Amino acid sequence: GADGGKNRLIIKDGTARIEEADCPDKLCVNQGSISNVNESIV
C-alpha cells in the first residue's frame, strides 16, 4: 500500500479476495470475494 502496509490478494476459481492484511480494521478481508464487473474491495 501507499503507507507500506501489505495485503494478500488471492485470485482463485474466477474470484478475487483479500485473504490477509496488516491494517488495523481488516475491513478489506471481511468484504469477501468479487468476480463481477465493477465490484471492488478497498
PDB file of all heavy atoms in Angstrom:
ATOM      1  N   GLY A   1       0.803  -1.211   0.000  1.00  0.00           N
ATOM      2  CA  GLY A   1       0.000   0.000   0.000  1.00  0.00           C
ATOM      3  C   GLY A   1       0.836   1.260   0.000  1.00  0.00           C
ATOM      4  O   GLY A   1       2.069   1.221   0.096  1.00  0.00           O
ATOM      5  N   ALA A   2       0.146   2.401  -0.072  1.00  0.00           N
ATOM      6  CA  ALA A   2       0.822   3.695  -0.107  1.00  0.00           C
ATOM      7  C   ALA A   2       1.582   3.973   1.180  1.00  0.00           C
ATOM      8  O   ALA A   2       2.579   4.693   1.174  1.00  0.00           O
ATOM      9  CB  ALA A   2      -0.205   4.801  -0.352  1.00  0.00           C
ATOM     10  N   ASP A   3       1.138   3.377   2.277  1.00  0.00           N
ATOM     11  CA  ASP A   3       1.797   3.577   3.564  1.00  0.00           C
ATOM     12  C   ASP A   3       2.795   2.464   3.893  1.00  0.00           C
ATOM     13  O   ASP A   3       3.314   2.399   4.992  1.00  0.00           O
ATOM     14  CB  ASP A   3       0.752   3.667   4.675  1.00  0.00           C
ATOM     15  CG  ASP A   3      -0.049   2.378   4.836  1.00  0.00           C
ATOM     16  OD1 ASP A   3       0.042   1.494   3.956  1.00  0.00           O
ATOM     17  OD2 ASP A   3      -0.774   2.252   5.841  1.00  0.00           O
ATOM     18  N   GLY A   4       3.050   1.567   2.917  1.00  0.00           N
ATOM     19  CA  GLY A   4       3.960   0.455   3.134  1.00  0.00           C
ATOM     20  C   GLY A   4       3.298  -0.794   3.689  1.00  0.00           C
ATOM     21  O   GLY A   4       3.939  -1.825   3.832  1.00  0.00           O
ATOM     22  N   GLY A   5       2.011  -0.713   4.009  1.00  0.00           N
ATOM     23  CA  GLY A   5       1.288  -1.862   4.537  1.00  0.00           C
ATOM     24  C   GLY A   5       1.095  -2.938   3.470  1.00  0.00           C
ATOM     25  O   GLY A   5       1.198  -2.671   2.270  1.00  0.00           O
ATOM     26  N   LYS A   6       0.810  -4.145   3.909  1.00  0.00           N
ATOM     27  CA  LYS A   6       0.699  -5.289   2.994  1.00  0.00           C
ATOM     28  C   LYS A   6      -0.699  -5.896   3.024  1.00  0.00           C
ATOM     29  O   LYS A   6      -1.310  -6.023   4.075  1.00  0.00           O
ATOM     30  CB  LYS A   6       1.700  -6.384   3.385  1.00  0.00           C
ATOM     31  CG  LYS A   6       3.146  -5.955   3.361  1.00  0.00           C
ATOM     32  CD  LYS A   6       3.654  -5.944   1.954  1.00  0.00           C
ATOM     33  CE  LYS A   6       5.165  -5.705   1.975  1.00  0.00           C
ATOM     34  NZ  LYS A   6       5.698  -5.569   0.664  1.00  0.00           N
ATOM     35  N   ASN A   7      -1.166  -6.280   1.838  1.00  0.00           N
ATOM     36  CA  ASN A   7      -2.416  -7.016   1.667  1.00  0.00           C
ATOM     37  C   ASN A   7      -2.135  -8.210   0.764  1.00  0.00           C
ATOM     38  O   ASN A   7      -1.428  -8.078  -0.235  1.00  0.00           O
ATOM     39  CB  ASN A   7      -3.488  -6.146   1.001  1.00  0.00           C
ATOM     40  CG  ASN A   7      -3.958  -5.017   1.870  1.00  0.00           C
ATOM     41  OD1 ASN A   7      -3.164  -4.252   2.384  1.00  0.00           O
ATOM     42  ND2 ASN A   7      -5.256  -4.911   2.034  1.00  0.00           N
ATOM     43  N   ARG A   8      -2.718  -9.348   1.104  1.00  0.00           N
ATOM     44  CA  ARG A   8      -2.532 -10.554   0.295  1.00  0.00           C
ATOM     45  C   ARG A   8      -3.765 -10.761  -0.573  1.00  0.00           C
ATOM     46  O   ARG A   8      -4.860 -11.019  -0.074  1.00  0.00           O
ATOM     47  CB  ARG A   8      -2.327 -11.759   1.201  1.00  0.00           C
ATOM     48  CG  ARG A   8      -2.045 -13.027   0.446  1.00  0.00           C
ATOM     49  CD  ARG A   8      -1.784 -14.151   1.408  1.00  0.00           C
ATOM     50  NE  ARG A   8      -1.587 -15.397   0.686  1.00  0.00           N
ATOM     51  CZ  ARG A   8      -1.698 -16.581   1.256  1.00  0.00           C
ATOM     52  NH1 ARG A   8      -1.994 -16.673   2.541  1.00  0.00           N
ATOM     53  NH2 ARG A   8      -1.514 -17.666   0.547  1.00  0.00           N
ATOM     54  N   LEU A   9      -3.563 -10.662  -1.889  1.00  0.00           N
ATOM     55  CA  LEU A   9      -4.624 -10.850  -2.872  1.00  0.00           C
ATOM     56  C   LEU A   9      -4.597 -12.286  -3.373  1.00  0.00           C
ATOM     57  O   LEU A   9      -3.558 -12.768  -3.823  1.00  0.00           O
ATOM     58  CB  LEU A   9      -4.433  -9.888  -4.052  1.00  0.00           C
ATOM     59  CG  LEU A   9      -5.357 -10.081  -5.250  1.00  0.00           C
ATOM     60  CD1 LEU A   9      -6.801  -9.760  -4.886  1.00  0.00           C
ATOM     61  CD2 LEU A   9      -4.894  -9.221  -6.420  1.00  0.00           C
ATOM     62  N   ILE A  10      -5.735 -12.961  -3.291  1.00  0.00           N
ATOM     63  CA  ILE A  10      -5.874 -14.322  -3.803  1.00  0.00           C
ATOM     64  C   ILE A  10      -6.876 -14.297  -4.951  1.00  0.00           C
ATOM     65  O   ILE A  10      -7.997 -13.822  -4.790  1.00  0.00           O
ATOM     66  CB  ILE A  10      -6.392 -15.290  -2.716  1.00  0.00           C
ATOM     67  CG1 ILE A  10      -5.474 -15.307  -1.501  1.00  0.00           C
ATOM     68  CG2 ILE A  10      -6.606 -16.691  -3.285  1.00  0.00           C
ATOM     69  CD1 ILE A  10      -4.124 -15.939  -1.730  1.00  0.00           C
ATOM     70  N   ILE A  11      -6.452 -14.797  -6.110  1.00  0.00           N
ATOM     71  CA  ILE A  11      -7.358 -14.983  -7.239  1.00  0.00           C
ATOM     72  C   ILE A  11      -7.451 -16.485  -7.453  1.00  0.00           C
ATOM     73  O   ILE A  11      -6.434 -17.146  -7.693  1.00  0.00           O
ATOM     74  CB  ILE A  11      -6.846 -14.277  -8.515  1.00  0.00           C
ATOM     75  CG1 ILE A  11      -6.712 -12.775  -8.262  1.00  0.00           C
ATOM     76  CG2 ILE A  11      -7.787 -14.560  -9.683  1.00  0.00           C
ATOM     77  CD1 ILE A  11      -6.077 -12.010  -9.400  1.00  0.00           C
ATOM     78  N   LYS A  12      -8.655 -17.010  -7.322  1.00  0.00           N
ATOM     79  CA  LYS A  12      -8.838 -18.453  -7.438  1.00  0.00           C
ATOM     80  C   LYS A  12     -10.252 -18.744  -7.928  1.00  0.00           C
ATOM     81  O   LYS A  12     -11.212 -18.134  -7.443  1.00  0.00           O
ATOM     82  CB  LYS A  12      -8.595 -19.138  -6.089  1.00  0.00           C
ATOM     83  CG  LYS A  12      -8.608 -20.639  -6.168  1.00  0.00           C
ATOM     84  CD  LYS A  12      -8.177 -21.258  -4.861  1.00  0.00           C
ATOM     85  CE  LYS A  12      -8.157 -22.761  -5.056  1.00  0.00           C
ATOM     86  NZ  LYS A  12      -7.762 -23.474  -3.877  1.00  0.00           N
ATOM     87  N   ASP A  13     -10.368 -19.658  -8.882  1.00  0.00           N
ATOM     88  CA  ASP A  13     -11.662 -20.096  -9.408  1.00  0.00           C
ATOM     89  C   ASP A  13     -12.519 -18.927  -9.911  1.00  0.00           C
ATOM     90  O   ASP A  13     -13.721 -18.889  -9.707  1.00  0.00           O
ATOM     91  CB  ASP A  13     -12.434 -20.902  -8.358  1.00  0.00           C
ATOM     92  CG  ASP A  13     -11.687 -22.154  -7.918  1.00  0.00           C
ATOM     93  OD1 ASP A  13     -10.963 -22.728  -8.765  1.00  0.00           O
ATOM     94  OD2 ASP A  13     -11.819 -22.547  -6.752  1.00  0.00           O
ATOM     95  N   GLY A  14     -11.881 -17.936 -10.518  1.00  0.00           N
ATOM     96  CA  GLY A  14     -12.615 -16.821 -11.113  1.00  0.00           C
ATOM     97  C   GLY A  14     -13.077 -15.760 -10.144  1.00  0.00           C
ATOM     98  O   GLY A  14     -13.868 -14.893 -10.506  1.00  0.00           O
ATOM     99  N   THR A  15     -12.592 -15.794  -8.908  1.00  0.00           N
ATOM    100  CA  THR A  15     -12.939 -14.764  -7.929  1.00  0.00           C
ATOM    101  C   THR A  15     -11.665 -14.199  -7.316  1.00  0.00           C
ATOM    102  O   THR A  15     -10.620 -14.848  -7.315  1.00  0.00           O
ATOM    103  CB  THR A  15     -13.838 -15.308  -6.798  1.00  0.00           C
ATOM    104  OG1 THR A  15     -13.101 -16.255  -6.037  1.00  0.00           O
ATOM    105  CG2 THR A  15     -15.110 -15.943  -7.341  1.00  0.00           C
ATOM    106  N   ALA A  16     -11.774 -12.987  -6.796  1.00  0.00           N
ATOM    107  CA  ALA A  16     -10.641 -12.337  -6.138  1.00  0.00           C
ATOM    108  C   ALA A  16     -11.066 -11.934  -4.731  1.00  0.00           C
ATOM    109  O   ALA A  16     -12.206 -11.534  -4.503  1.00  0.00           O
ATOM    110  CB  ALA A  16     -10.203 -11.109  -6.926  1.00  0.00           C
ATOM    111  N   ARG A  17     -10.128 -12.035  -3.792  1.00  0.00           N
ATOM    112  CA  ARG A  17     -10.408 -11.616  -2.422  1.00  0.00           C
ATOM    113  C   ARG A  17      -9.103 -11.204  -1.748  1.00  0.00           C
ATOM    114  O   ARG A  17      -8.024 -11.617  -2.157  1.00  0.00           O
ATOM    115  CB  ARG A  17     -11.093 -12.727  -1.629  1.00  0.00           C
ATOM    116  CG  ARG A  17     -10.200 -13.883  -1.282  1.00  0.00           C
ATOM    117  CD  ARG A  17     -10.947 -14.988  -0.517  1.00  0.00           C
ATOM    118  NE  ARG A  17     -10.050 -16.005  -0.031  1.00  0.00           N
ATOM    119  CZ  ARG A  17      -9.514 -16.975  -0.759  1.00  0.00           C
ATOM    120  NH1 ARG A  17      -9.783 -17.054  -2.045  1.00  0.00           N
ATOM    121  NH2 ARG A  17      -8.699 -17.863  -0.223  1.00  0.00           N
ATOM    122  N   ILE A  18      -9.224 -10.399  -0.718  1.00  0.00           N
ATOM    123  CA  ILE A  18      -8.082 -10.081   0.132  1.00  0.00           C
ATOM    124  C   ILE A  18      -8.098 -11.092   1.271  1.00  0.00           C
ATOM    125  O   ILE A  18      -9.037 -11.133   2.064  1.00  0.00           O
ATOM    126  CB  ILE A  18      -8.154  -8.636   0.679  1.00  0.00           C
ATOM    127  CG1 ILE A  18      -8.134  -7.620  -0.457  1.00  0.00           C
ATOM    128  CG2 ILE A  18      -7.013  -8.381   1.661  1.00  0.00           C
ATOM    129  CD1 ILE A  18      -6.842  -7.565  -1.253  1.00  0.00           C
ATOM    130  N   GLU A  19      -7.097 -11.930   1.309  1.00  0.00           N
ATOM    131  CA  GLU A  19      -7.011 -13.011   2.295  1.00  0.00           C
ATOM    132  C   GLU A  19      -6.451 -12.524   3.633  1.00  0.00           C
ATOM    133  O   GLU A  19      -6.914 -12.919   4.688  1.00  0.00           O
ATOM    134  CB  GLU A  19      -6.122 -14.124   1.734  1.00  0.00           C
ATOM    135  CG  GLU A  19      -5.867 -15.264   2.663  1.00  0.00           C
ATOM    136  CD  GLU A  19      -6.915 -16.359   2.569  1.00  0.00           C
ATOM    137  OE1 GLU A  19      -7.798 -16.282   1.708  1.00  0.00           O
ATOM    138  OE2 GLU A  19      -6.833 -17.282   3.365  1.00  0.00           O
ATOM    139  N   GLU A  20      -5.424 -11.666   3.564  1.00  0.00           N
ATOM    140  CA  GLU A  20      -4.763 -11.159   4.771  1.00  0.00           C
ATOM    141  C   GLU A  20      -4.437  -9.691   4.564  1.00  0.00           C
ATOM    142  O   GLU A  20      -4.212  -9.254   3.442  1.00  0.00           O
ATOM    143  CB  GLU A  20      -3.445 -11.888   5.036  1.00  0.00           C
ATOM    144  CG  GLU A  20      -3.527 -13.361   5.291  1.00  0.00           C
ATOM    145  CD  GLU A  20      -2.136 -13.971   5.430  1.00  0.00           C
ATOM    146  OE1 GLU A  20      -1.298 -13.410   6.189  1.00  0.00           O
ATOM    147  OE2 GLU A  20      -1.885 -14.995   4.774  1.00  0.00           O
ATOM    148  N   ALA A  21      -4.360  -8.964   5.675  1.00  0.00           N
ATOM    149  CA  ALA A  21      -3.941  -7.567   5.624  1.00  0.00           C
ATOM    150  C   ALA A  21      -3.383  -7.185   6.984  1.00  0.00           C
ATOM    151  O   ALA A  21      -3.824  -7.702   8.007  1.00  0.00           O
ATOM    152  CB  ALA A  21      -5.106  -6.663   5.255  1.00  0.00           C
ATOM    153  N   ASP A  22      -2.403  -6.273   6.986  1.00  0.00           N
ATOM    154  CA  ASP A  22      -1.859  -5.835   8.264  1.00  0.00           C
ATOM    155  C   ASP A  22      -2.434  -4.487   8.704  1.00  0.00           C
ATOM    156  O   ASP A  22      -1.905  -3.846   9.598  1.00  0.00           O
ATOM    157  CB  ASP A  22      -0.325  -5.808   8.234  1.00  0.00           C
ATOM    158  CG  ASP A  22       0.241  -4.859   7.201  1.00  0.00           C
ATOM    159  OD1 ASP A  22      -0.530  -4.128   6.552  1.00  0.00           O
ATOM    160  OD2 ASP A  22       1.472  -4.858   7.030  1.00  0.00           O
ATOM    161  N   CYS A  23      -3.560  -4.096   8.104  1.00  0.00           N
ATOM    162  CA  CYS A  23      -4.245  -2.883   8.541  1.00  0.00           C
ATOM    163  C   CYS A  23      -5.011  -3.186   9.836  1.00  0.00           C
ATOM    164  O   CYS A  23      -5.333  -4.338  10.113  1.00  0.00           O
ATOM    165  CB  CYS A  23      -5.186  -2.354   7.460  1.00  0.00           C
ATOM    166  SG  CYS A  23      -6.393  -3.549   6.864  1.00  0.00           S
ATOM    167  N   PRO A  24      -5.313  -2.164  10.619  1.00  0.00           N
ATOM    168  CA  PRO A  24      -5.923  -2.422  11.927  1.00  0.00           C
ATOM    169  C   PRO A  24      -7.362  -2.942  11.878  1.00  0.00           C
ATOM    170  O   PRO A  24      -7.741  -3.773  12.697  1.00  0.00           O
ATOM    171  CB  PRO A  24      -5.868  -1.071  12.639  1.00  0.00           C
ATOM    172  CG  PRO A  24      -5.609  -0.064  11.592  1.00  0.00           C
ATOM    173  CD  PRO A  24      -4.965  -0.766  10.437  1.00  0.00           C
ATOM    174  N   ASP A  25      -8.170  -2.495  10.920  1.00  0.00           N
ATOM    175  CA  ASP A  25      -9.593  -2.865  10.946  1.00  0.00           C
ATOM    176  C   ASP A  25      -9.948  -4.117  10.151  1.00  0.00           C
ATOM    177  O   ASP A  25     -10.974  -4.725  10.388  1.00  0.00           O
ATOM    178  CB  ASP A  25     -10.463  -1.699  10.481  1.00  0.00           C
ATOM    179  CG  ASP A  25     -10.104  -1.203   9.097  1.00  0.00           C
ATOM    180  OD1 ASP A  25      -9.356  -1.898   8.373  1.00  0.00           O
ATOM    181  OD2 ASP A  25     -10.575  -0.115   8.728  1.00  0.00           O
ATOM    182  N   LYS A  26      -9.130  -4.501   9.195  1.00  0.00           N
ATOM    183  CA  LYS A  26      -9.338  -5.712   8.371  1.00  0.00           C
ATOM    184  C   LYS A  26     -10.675  -5.721   7.617  1.00  0.00           C
ATOM    185  O   LYS A  26     -11.199  -6.772   7.275  1.00  0.00           O
ATOM    186  CB  LYS A  26      -9.243  -6.982   9.227  1.00  0.00           C
ATOM    187  CG  LYS A  26      -8.009  -7.090  10.074  1.00  0.00           C
ATOM    188  CD  LYS A  26      -6.956  -7.917   9.422  1.00  0.00           C
ATOM    189  CE  LYS A  26      -5.796  -8.220  10.328  1.00  0.00           C
ATOM    190  NZ  LYS A  26      -4.885  -7.141  10.546  1.00  0.00           N
ATOM    191  N   LEU A  27     -11.233  -4.534   7.337  1.00  0.00           N
ATOM    192  CA  LEU A  27     -12.484  -4.475   6.580  1.00  0.00           C
ATOM    193  C   LEU A  27     -12.314  -5.042   5.177  1.00  0.00           C
ATOM    194  O   LEU A  27     -13.225  -5.662   4.639  1.00  0.00           O
ATOM    195  CB  LEU A  27     -13.002  -3.029   6.507  1.00  0.00           C
ATOM    196  CG  LEU A  27     -13.480  -2.430   7.822  1.00  0.00           C
ATOM    197  CD1 LEU A  27     -13.869  -0.971   7.638  1.00  0.00           C
ATOM    198  CD2 LEU A  27     -14.637  -3.224   8.390  1.00  0.00           C
ATOM    199  N   CYS A  28     -11.145  -4.859   4.591  1.00  0.00           N
ATOM    200  CA  CYS A  28     -10.898  -5.386   3.244  1.00  0.00           C
ATOM    201  C   CYS A  28     -10.948  -6.912   3.230  1.00  0.00           C
ATOM    202  O   CYS A  28     -11.425  -7.515   2.263  1.00  0.00           O
ATOM    203  CB  CYS A  28      -9.559  -4.886   2.711  1.00  0.00           C
ATOM    204  SG  CYS A  28      -8.166  -5.157   3.836  1.00  0.00           S
ATOM    205  N   VAL A  29     -10.514  -7.540   4.299  1.00  0.00           N
ATOM    206  CA  VAL A  29     -10.554  -9.008   4.395  1.00  0.00           C
ATOM    207  C   VAL A  29     -12.002  -9.472   4.521  1.00  0.00           C
ATOM    208  O   VAL A  29     -12.409 -10.467   3.926  1.00  0.00           O
ATOM    209  CB  VAL A  29      -9.716  -9.494   5.596  1.00  0.00           C
ATOM    210  CG1 VAL A  29      -9.845 -10.996   5.784  1.00  0.00           C
ATOM    211  CG2 VAL A  29      -8.256  -9.102   5.426  1.00  0.00           C
ATOM    212  N   ASN A  30     -12.799  -8.717   5.259  1.00  0.00           N
ATOM    213  CA  ASN A  30     -14.190  -9.090   5.503  1.00  0.00           C
ATOM    214  C   ASN A  30     -15.126  -8.795   4.339  1.00  0.00           C
ATOM    215  O   ASN A  30     -16.299  -9.189   4.383  1.00  0.00           O
ATOM    216  CB  ASN A  30     -14.702  -8.390   6.766  1.00  0.00           C
ATOM    217  CG  ASN A  30     -13.967  -8.842   8.001  1.00  0.00           C
ATOM    218  OD1 ASN A  30     -13.551  -9.994   8.092  1.00  0.00           O
ATOM    219  ND2 ASN A  30     -13.770  -7.949   8.948  1.00  0.00           N
ATOM    220  N   GLN A  31     -14.658  -8.108   3.297  1.00  0.00           N
ATOM    221  CA  GLN A  31     -15.520  -7.786   2.161  1.00  0.00           C
ATOM    222  C   GLN A  31     -15.823  -9.003   1.298  1.00  0.00           C
ATOM    223  O   GLN A  31     -16.738  -8.972   0.491  1.00  0.00           O
ATOM    224  CB  GLN A  31     -14.902  -6.670   1.313  1.00  0.00           C
ATOM    225  CG  GLN A  31     -14.964  -5.331   2.001  1.00  0.00           C
ATOM    226  CD  GLN A  31     -14.366  -4.221   1.172  1.00  0.00           C
ATOM    227  OE1 GLN A  31     -14.308  -4.283  -0.048  1.00  0.00           O
ATOM    228  NE2 GLN A  31     -13.914  -3.183   1.842  1.00  0.00           N
ATOM    229  N   GLY A  32     -15.078 -10.064   1.436  1.00  0.00           N
ATOM    230  CA  GLY A  32     -15.368 -11.296   0.704  1.00  0.00           C
ATOM    231  C   GLY A  32     -14.821 -11.283  -0.710  1.00  0.00           C
ATOM    232  O   GLY A  32     -13.947 -10.493  -1.061  1.00  0.00           O
ATOM    233  N   SER A  33     -15.359 -12.173  -1.540  1.00  0.00           N
ATOM    234  CA  SER A  33     -14.873 -12.365  -2.906  1.00  0.00           C
ATOM    235  C   SER A  33     -15.654 -11.512  -3.901  1.00  0.00           C
ATOM    236  O   SER A  33     -16.842 -11.258  -3.715  1.00  0.00           O
ATOM    237  CB  SER A  33     -15.009 -13.833  -3.306  1.00  0.00           C
ATOM    238  OG  SER A  33     -14.187 -14.629  -2.491  1.00  0.00           O
ATOM    239  N   ILE A  34     -14.956 -11.123  -4.963  1.00  0.00           N
ATOM    240  CA  ILE A  34     -15.583 -10.361  -6.049  1.00  0.00           C
ATOM    241  C   ILE A  34     -15.281 -11.064  -7.371  1.00  0.00           C
ATOM    242  O   ILE A  34     -14.234 -11.698  -7.522  1.00  0.00           O
ATOM    243  CB  ILE A  34     -15.095  -8.893  -6.083  1.00  0.00           C
ATOM    244  CG1 ILE A  34     -13.565  -8.811  -6.198  1.00  0.00           C
ATOM    245  CG2 ILE A  34     -15.584  -8.139  -4.855  1.00  0.00           C
ATOM    246  CD1 ILE A  34     -13.022  -7.408  -6.361  1.00  0.00           C
ATOM    247  N   SER A  35     -16.209 -10.950  -8.326  1.00  0.00           N
ATOM    248  CA  SER A  35     -15.993 -11.584  -9.633  1.00  0.00           C
ATOM    249  C   SER A  35     -16.734 -10.898 -10.764  1.00  0.00           C
ATOM    250  O   SER A  35     -16.492 -11.202 -11.922  1.00  0.00           O
ATOM    251  CB  SER A  35     -16.423 -13.057  -9.582  1.00  0.00           C
ATOM    252  OG  SER A  35     -17.799 -13.151  -9.285  1.00  0.00           O
ATOM    253  N   ASN A  36     -17.648  -9.984 -10.462  1.00  0.00           N
ATOM    254  CA  ASN A  36     -18.438  -9.314 -11.499  1.00  0.00           C
ATOM    255  C   ASN A  36     -17.909  -7.912 -11.773  1.00  0.00           C
ATOM    256  O   ASN A  36     -17.355  -7.255 -10.885  1.00  0.00           O
ATOM    257  CB  ASN A  36     -19.911  -9.235 -11.078  1.00  0.00           C
ATOM    258  CG  ASN A  36     -20.543 -10.602 -11.015  1.00  0.00           C
ATOM    259  OD1 ASN A  36     -20.445 -11.383 -11.948  1.00  0.00           O
ATOM    260  ND2 ASN A  36     -21.177 -10.916  -9.898  1.00  0.00           N
ATOM    261  N   VAL A  37     -18.100  -7.440 -12.995  1.00  0.00           N
ATOM    262  CA  VAL A  37     -17.621  -6.127 -13.422  1.00  0.00           C
ATOM    263  C   VAL A  37     -18.119  -5.056 -12.453  1.00  0.00           C
ATOM    264  O   VAL A  37     -19.274  -5.063 -12.038  1.00  0.00           O
ATOM    265  CB  VAL A  37     -18.095  -5.830 -14.860  1.00  0.00           C
ATOM    266  CG1 VAL A  37     -17.748  -4.409 -15.257  1.00  0.00           C
ATOM    267  CG2 VAL A  37     -17.471  -6.822 -15.839  1.00  0.00           C
ATOM    268  N   ASN A  38     -17.212  -4.159 -12.084  1.00  0.00           N
ATOM    269  CA  ASN A  38     -17.439  -3.011 -11.209  1.00  0.00           C
ATOM    270  C   ASN A  38     -17.503  -3.346  -9.726  1.00  0.00           C
ATOM    271  O   ASN A  38     -17.679  -2.448  -8.919  1.00  0.00           O
ATOM    272  CB  ASN A  38     -18.678  -2.206 -11.613  1.00  0.00           C
ATOM    273  CG  ASN A  38     -18.509  -1.515 -12.931  1.00  0.00           C
ATOM    274  OD1 ASN A  38     -17.390  -1.198 -13.327  1.00  0.00           O
ATOM    275  ND2 ASN A  38     -19.595  -1.305 -13.628  1.00  0.00           N
ATOM    276  N   GLU A  39     -17.352  -4.599  -9.342  1.00  0.00           N
ATOM    277  CA  GLU A  39     -17.245  -4.907  -7.920  1.00  0.00           C
ATOM    278  C   GLU A  39     -15.834  -4.538  -7.465  1.00  0.00           C
ATOM    279  O   GLU A  39     -14.889  -4.602  -8.245  1.00  0.00           O
ATOM    280  CB  GLU A  39     -17.503  -6.390  -7.656  1.00  0.00           C
ATOM    281  CG  GLU A  39     -18.938  -6.811  -7.872  1.00  0.00           C
ATOM    282  CD  GLU A  39     -19.166  -8.283  -7.587  1.00  0.00           C
ATOM    283  OE1 GLU A  39     -18.229  -9.100  -7.754  1.00  0.00           O
ATOM    284  OE2 GLU A  39     -20.287  -8.618  -7.207  1.00  0.00           O
ATOM    285  N   SER A  40     -15.703  -4.154  -6.200  1.00  0.00           N
ATOM    286  CA  SER A  40     -14.377  -3.756  -5.730  1.00  0.00           C
ATOM    287  C   SER A  40     -14.189  -4.075  -4.256  1.00  0.00           C
ATOM    288  O   SER A  40     -15.151  -4.251  -3.512  1.00  0.00           O
ATOM    289  CB  SER A  40     -14.140  -2.261  -5.978  1.00  0.00           C
ATOM    290  OG  SER A  40     -15.076  -1.494  -5.248  1.00  0.00           O
ATOM    291  N   ILE A  41     -12.934  -4.133  -3.879  1.00  0.00           N
ATOM    292  CA  ILE A  41     -12.517  -4.261  -2.487  1.00  0.00           C
ATOM    293  C   ILE A  41     -11.583  -3.091  -2.224  1.00  0.00           C
ATOM    294  O   ILE A  41     -10.686  -2.814  -3.022  1.00  0.00           O
ATOM    295  CB  ILE A  41     -11.773  -5.594  -2.236  1.00  0.00           C
ATOM    296  CG1 ILE A  41     -12.674  -6.781  -2.555  1.00  0.00           C
ATOM    297  CG2 ILE A  41     -11.267  -5.656  -0.797  1.00  0.00           C
ATOM    298  CD1 ILE A  41     -11.950  -8.122  -2.511  1.00  0.00           C
ATOM    299  N   VAL A  42     -11.788  -2.420  -1.104  1.00  0.00           N
ATOM    300  CA  VAL A  42     -10.996  -1.239  -0.790  1.00  0.00           C
ATOM    301  C   VAL A  42     -10.366  -1.396   0.592  1.00  0.00           C
ATOM    302  O   VAL A  42     -11.038  -1.799   1.539  1.00  0.00           O
ATOM    303  CB  VAL A  42     -11.880   0.033  -0.816  1.00  0.00           C
ATOM    304  CG1 VAL A  42     -11.083   1.259  -0.431  1.00  0.00           C
ATOM    305  CG2 VAL A  42     -12.518   0.206  -2.178  1.00  0.00           C
TER     306      VAL A  42
END
